[in-house]
Amino acid sequence: MTNEKENDKELARLRKTLQSAVSPIIQLEPQRDLWSHLLQRIEEPPFGMSLRMPWFDWALLGIAAAALLFFPAVLPALFYHL
């Protein structure tokens, strides 16, 4: 019997300690409406699907295409590394 009382006291002390360590959740609702944000994210094109690229990306693409045009022997090495 004494062991059960000690266990109950220990559980009560542990419960009180845990309740004091964890702050209660006061606000259960979100601070703003998330539905409009979700609709906006759905309507955006996926990452990388846009043709809008900075000018230097287009320049690098042009340089790579010119290099392949002038040096076609590079193609087997390129395919080997892919």
C-alpha atoms as a PDB file:
ATOM      1  CA  MET A   1       0.000   0.000   0.000  1.00  0.00           C
ATOM      2  CA  THR A   2       2.746   2.432   0.859  1.00  0.00           C
ATOM      3  CA  ASN A   3       4.382   1.776  -2.459  1.00  0.00           C
ATOM      4  CA  GLU A   4       1.186   2.758  -4.296  1.00  0.00           C
ATOM      5  CA  LYS A   5       0.919   5.999  -2.319  1.00  0.00           C
ATOM      6  CA  GLU A   6       4.549   6.830  -3.072  1.00  0.00           C
ATOM      7  CA  ASN A   7       3.955   6.130  -6.766  1.00  0.00           C
ATOM      8  CA  ASP A   8       0.893   8.387  -6.773  1.00  0.00           C
ATOM      9  CA  LYS A   9       2.849  11.169  -5.074  1.00  0.00           C
ATOM     10  CA  GLU A  10       5.705  10.735  -7.538  1.00  0.00           C
ATOM     11  CA  LEU A  11       3.303  10.838 -10.501  1.00  0.00           C
ATOM     12  CA  ALA A  12       1.614  13.962  -9.128  1.00  0.00           C
ATOM     13  CA  ARG A  13       4.995  15.649  -8.656  1.00  0.00           C
ATOM     14  CA  LEU A  14       6.070  14.650 -12.157  1.00  0.00           C
ATOM     15  CA  ARG A  15       2.771  15.909 -13.643  1.00  0.00           C
ATOM     16  CA  LYS A  16       3.185  19.258 -11.864  1.00  0.00           C
ATOM     17  CA  THR A  17       6.790  19.567 -13.056  1.00  0.00           C
ATOM     18  CA  LEU A  18       5.833  18.823 -16.676  1.00  0.00           C
ATOM     19  CA  GLN A  19       2.923  21.270 -16.585  1.00  0.00           C
ATOM     20  CA  SER A  20       5.179  24.030 -15.295  1.00  0.00           C
ATOM     21  CA  ALA A  21       7.837  23.288 -17.949  1.00  0.00           C
ATOM     22  CA  VAL A  22       5.499  23.325 -20.962  1.00  0.00           C
ATOM     23  CA  SER A  23       3.555  26.513 -21.550  1.00  0.00           C
ATOM     24  CA  PRO A  24      -0.108  26.054 -22.442  1.00  0.00           C
ATOM     25  CA  ILE A  25      -1.316  26.757 -25.968  1.00  0.00           C
ATOM     26  CA  ILE A  26      -3.389  29.890 -25.802  1.00  0.00           C
ATOM     27  CA  GLN A  27      -4.282  30.574 -29.435  1.00  0.00           C
ATOM     28  CA  LEU A  28      -5.609  27.681 -31.484  1.00  0.00           C
ATOM     29  CA  GLU A  29      -6.587  29.641 -34.614  1.00  0.00           C
ATOM     30  CA  PRO A  30      -3.987  30.853 -37.151  1.00  0.00           C
ATOM     31  CA  GLN A  31      -3.149  34.546 -37.041  1.00  0.00           C
ATOM     32  CA  ARG A  32      -4.094  35.086 -40.703  1.00  0.00           C
ATOM     33  CA  ASP A  33      -6.112  33.386 -43.401  1.00  0.00           C
ATOM     34  CA  LEU A  34      -3.956  30.749 -45.060  1.00  0.00           C
ATOM     35  CA  TRP A  35      -6.410  29.778 -47.818  1.00  0.00           C
ATOM     36  CA  SER A  36      -5.602  32.780 -50.049  1.00  0.00           C
ATOM     37  CA  HIS A  37      -1.889  32.040 -49.663  1.00  0.00           C
ATOM     38  CA  LEU A  38      -2.487  28.412 -50.672  1.00  0.00           C
ATOM     39  CA  LEU A  39      -4.450  29.440 -53.774  1.00  0.00           C
ATOM     40  CA  GLN A  40      -1.661  31.810 -54.785  1.00  0.00           C
ATOM     41  CA  ARG A  41       0.948  29.044 -54.423  1.00  0.00           C
ATOM     42  CA  ILE A  42      -1.171  26.667 -56.533  1.00  0.00           C
ATOM     43  CA  GLU A  43      -1.466  29.206 -59.363  1.00  0.00           C
ATOM     44  CA  GLU A  44       2.296  29.901 -59.470  1.00  0.00           C
ATOM     45  CA  PRO A  45       4.284  27.866 -61.982  1.00  0.00           C
ATOM     46  CA  PRO A  46       6.429  25.131 -60.445  1.00  0.00           C
ATOM     47  CA  PHE A  47      10.031  25.934 -59.618  1.00  0.00           C
ATOM     48  CA  GLY A  48      12.211  25.886 -62.740  1.00  0.00           C
ATOM     49  CA  MET A  49       9.295  25.893 -65.197  1.00  0.00           C
ATOM     50  CA  SER A  50       9.533  29.593 -66.012  1.00  0.00           C
ATOM     51  CA  LEU A  51      11.456  30.876 -69.052  1.00  0.00           C
ATOM     52  CA  ARG A  52      12.435  33.980 -67.133  1.00  0.00           C
ATOM     53  CA  MET A  53      16.166  33.583 -66.568  1.00  0.00           C
ATOM     54  CA  PRO A  54      18.870  36.166 -65.920  1.00  0.00           C
ATOM     55  CA  TRP A  55      20.888  37.335 -68.905  1.00  0.00           C
ATOM     56  CA  PHE A  56      24.036  35.495 -67.801  1.00  0.00           C
ATOM     57  CA  ASP A  57      22.207  32.162 -67.878  1.00  0.00           C
ATOM     58  CA  TRP A  58      21.246  32.819 -71.490  1.00  0.00           C
ATOM     59  CA  ALA A  59      24.865  33.857 -72.209  1.00  0.00           C
ATOM     60  CA  LEU A  60      26.197  30.618 -70.695  1.00  0.00           C
ATOM     61  CA  LEU A  61      23.703  28.620 -72.711  1.00  0.00           C
ATOM     62  CA  GLY A  62      24.812  30.405 -75.907  1.00  0.00           C
ATOM     63  CA  ILE A  63      28.490  29.817 -75.134  1.00  0.00           C
ATOM     64  CA  ALA A  64      27.845  26.129 -74.490  1.00  0.00           C
ATOM     65  CA  ALA A  65      25.892  25.793 -77.742  1.00  0.00           C
ATOM     66  CA  ALA A  66      28.651  27.567 -79.693  1.00  0.00           C
ATOM     67  CA  ALA A  67      31.307  25.355 -78.107  1.00  0.00           C
ATOM     68  CA  LEU A  68      29.391  22.230 -79.135  1.00  0.00           C
ATOM     69  CA  LEU A  69      28.954  23.638 -82.643  1.00  0.00           C
ATOM     70  CA  PHE A  70      32.668  24.448 -83.073  1.00  0.00           C
ATOM     71  CA  PHE A  71      34.006  21.413 -81.163  1.00  0.00           C
ATOM     72  CA  PRO A  72      31.698  18.441 -81.851  1.00  0.00           C
ATOM     73  CA  ALA A  73      34.360  16.009 -80.625  1.00  0.00           C
ATOM     74  CA  VAL A  74      33.474  17.108 -77.088  1.00  0.00           C
ATOM     75  CA  LEU A  75      30.072  15.370 -77.318  1.00  0.00           C
ATOM     76  CA  PRO A  76      31.305  11.835 -76.457  1.00  0.00           C
ATOM     77  CA  ALA A  77      33.144  13.170 -73.387  1.00  0.00           C
ATOM     78  CA  LEU A  78      30.050  15.132 -72.369  1.00  0.00           C
ATOM     79  CA  PHE A  79      27.820  12.068 -72.696  1.00  0.00           C
ATOM     80  CA  TYR A  80      30.357  10.001 -70.749  1.00  0.00           C
ATOM     81  CA  HIS A  81      30.124  12.394 -67.793  1.00  0.00           C
ATOM     82  CA  LEU A  82      26.332  12.506 -67.834  1.00  0.00           C
END
